[in-house]
Amino acid sequence: MFEVAVKTEFSAAHKLVGHKGPCAEIHGHNWVVEATFASKKLDNIGMVIDFADVNAELEEAKLMLDHKLINDVEPFTKLNPTAEHLAKWFFEKLKKSLPVSPTRVTVYETSSSSASYIE
C-alpha cells in the first residue's frame, strides 16, 4: 500500500456554539490541514496522486476560510465549526474535486490537538 499526504495552513477564528468553556467566545487558530491518500497501485507515472493537484484544491478550499470568522462561512453558519466538522468539510471538497478520494483528512487546531475524518 502506498500513502501520500499534503499539508496546508491557514489562520482563522471561530466560536463553538453551546460550548461551556472559553471556546464559546471568538478565538483564533493557526489551523493545519493534512490530506492523506492511499492506493495499492500507482498511476502510469508512479504516483498515488499528484501533489500539485492536491495543493491546488486545498488552496482553493482554505481561501474560503483564511482570515475569516468561520462561523460566517457556509455551511458553518448552521453547523458548529468544530475541528471534526472542518475535517469532514475538507474531505468532501477533495473527494468531489480530485480523481482519487482522500482516505483521511486531519485538521489541527494546535500542534497537539486534531480531529480526523475517514470514510
Protein backbone atom coordinates (compact mmCIF):
# COMPACT_ATOMS: atom_id res chain seq x y z
CA MET A 1 0.00 0.00 0.00
CA PHE A 2 1.25 3.46 -0.89
CA GLU A 3 0.27 6.52 1.12
CA VAL A 4 0.93 10.21 0.46
CA ALA A 5 -0.04 13.30 2.43
CA VAL A 6 -0.21 17.01 1.75
CA LYS A 7 -0.44 19.74 4.41
CA THR A 8 -1.56 23.33 4.26
CA GLU A 9 -2.03 26.07 6.85
CA PHE A 10 -4.36 28.98 7.35
CA SER A 11 -5.38 31.39 10.11
CA ALA A 12 -9.00 31.84 11.09
CA ALA A 13 -11.25 32.44 14.05
CA HIS A 14 -14.28 30.55 15.28
CA LYS A 15 -16.52 30.16 18.28
CA LEU A 16 -18.19 26.97 19.41
CA VAL A 17 -21.89 27.46 19.99
CA GLY A 18 -23.05 25.62 23.10
CA HIS A 19 -19.54 25.11 24.49
CA LYS A 20 -19.43 25.63 28.26
CA GLY A 21 -15.85 26.93 28.35
CA PRO A 22 -13.77 29.69 26.80
CA CYS A 23 -14.19 28.25 23.28
CA ALA A 24 -17.71 29.72 23.27
CA GLU A 25 -16.02 33.08 22.69
CA ILE A 26 -14.45 34.11 19.39
CA HIS A 27 -10.85 32.91 19.28
CA GLY A 28 -8.35 32.08 16.57
CA HIS A 29 -6.08 29.28 15.49
CA ASN A 30 -3.30 28.71 13.03
CA TRP A 31 -5.01 25.68 11.52
CA VAL A 32 -3.16 22.88 9.75
CA VAL A 33 -4.99 20.58 7.34
CA GLU A 34 -3.42 17.29 6.28
CA ALA A 35 -4.99 15.28 3.46
CA THR A 36 -3.88 11.65 3.10
CA PHE A 37 -4.37 9.44 0.05
CA ALA A 38 -3.66 5.71 -0.27
CA SER A 39 -3.58 3.21 -3.10
CA LYS A 40 -2.36 -0.30 -3.74
CA LYS A 41 -1.24 0.72 -7.22
CA LEU A 42 0.40 3.77 -8.72
CA ASP A 43 -0.65 5.61 -11.84
CA ASN A 44 1.24 5.34 -15.12
CA ILE A 45 3.99 7.71 -13.92
CA GLY A 46 4.36 6.18 -10.47
CA MET A 47 2.13 8.38 -8.28
CA VAL A 48 -0.84 7.84 -5.98
CA ILE A 49 -1.92 11.40 -6.83
CA ASP A 50 -0.04 14.48 -7.97
CA PHE A 51 0.91 16.73 -5.03
CA ALA A 52 0.28 19.78 -7.23
CA ASP A 53 -3.33 18.75 -7.82
CA VAL A 54 -3.95 18.25 -4.10
CA ASN A 55 -2.23 21.55 -3.25
CA ALA A 56 -4.39 23.43 -5.76
CA GLU A 57 -7.63 22.03 -4.34
CA LEU A 58 -6.56 22.57 -0.72
CA GLU A 59 -5.58 26.16 -1.57
CA GLU A 60 -8.99 26.84 -3.10
CA ALA A 61 -10.80 25.39 -0.07
CA LYS A 62 -8.68 27.10 2.55
CA LEU A 63 -9.09 30.51 0.89
CA MET A 64 -12.79 30.27 1.76
CA LEU A 65 -11.78 30.22 5.46
CA ASP A 66 -8.44 32.04 5.68
CA HIS A 67 -8.54 35.16 7.89
CA LYS A 68 -12.26 34.82 8.38
CA LEU A 69 -14.65 34.06 11.22
CA ILE A 70 -15.52 30.51 10.18
CA ASN A 71 -18.97 30.83 11.79
CA ASP A 72 -19.82 33.31 8.99
CA VAL A 73 -18.92 30.88 6.15
CA GLU A 74 -21.43 28.33 4.79
CA PRO A 75 -22.14 25.66 5.97
CA PHE A 76 -20.75 26.80 9.33
CA THR A 77 -23.44 29.44 9.73
CA LYS A 78 -25.63 26.47 10.78
CA LEU A 79 -23.01 23.81 11.53
CA ASN A 80 -20.76 24.30 14.57
CA PRO A 81 -17.22 24.91 13.24
CA THR A 82 -15.52 22.19 15.26
CA ALA A 83 -12.30 20.61 14.05
CA GLU A 84 -14.37 17.47 13.37
CA HIS A 85 -16.77 19.32 11.07
CA LEU A 86 -13.90 21.11 9.34
CA ALA A 87 -12.14 17.78 8.68
CA LYS A 88 -15.28 16.39 7.03
CA TRP A 89 -15.79 19.61 5.03
CA PHE A 90 -12.26 19.47 3.62
CA PHE A 91 -12.62 15.71 2.96
CA GLU A 92 -15.82 16.20 0.97
CA LYS A 93 -14.36 19.06 -1.06
CA LEU A 94 -11.31 16.99 -2.02
CA LYS A 95 -13.41 13.90 -2.74
CA LYS A 96 -15.55 15.88 -5.21
CA SER A 97 -12.70 17.64 -7.00
CA LEU A 98 -9.88 15.09 -7.28
CA PRO A 99 -9.60 11.83 -9.27
CA VAL A 100 -8.53 9.96 -6.11
CA SER A 101 -10.52 10.28 -2.88
CA PRO A 102 -8.66 11.03 0.33
CA THR A 103 -8.51 8.26 2.88
CA ARG A 104 -8.23 10.69 5.77
CA VAL A 105 -8.28 14.43 6.40
CA THR A 106 -6.89 15.67 9.71
CA VAL A 107 -7.41 19.21 10.98
CA TYR A 108 -5.10 20.51 13.70
CA GLU A 109 -6.26 23.38 15.90
CA THR A 110 -2.92 23.28 17.69
CA SER A 111 0.19 21.15 17.33
CA SER A 112 -1.23 18.77 19.95
CA SER A 113 -4.98 18.79 19.15
CA SER A 114 -6.50 17.39 15.99
CA ALA A 115 -9.59 15.73 14.56
CA SER A 116 -9.79 13.42 11.54
CA TYR A 117 -12.49 12.36 9.12
CA ILE A 118 -12.30 8.96 7.39
CA GLU A 119 -14.73 7.12 5.12
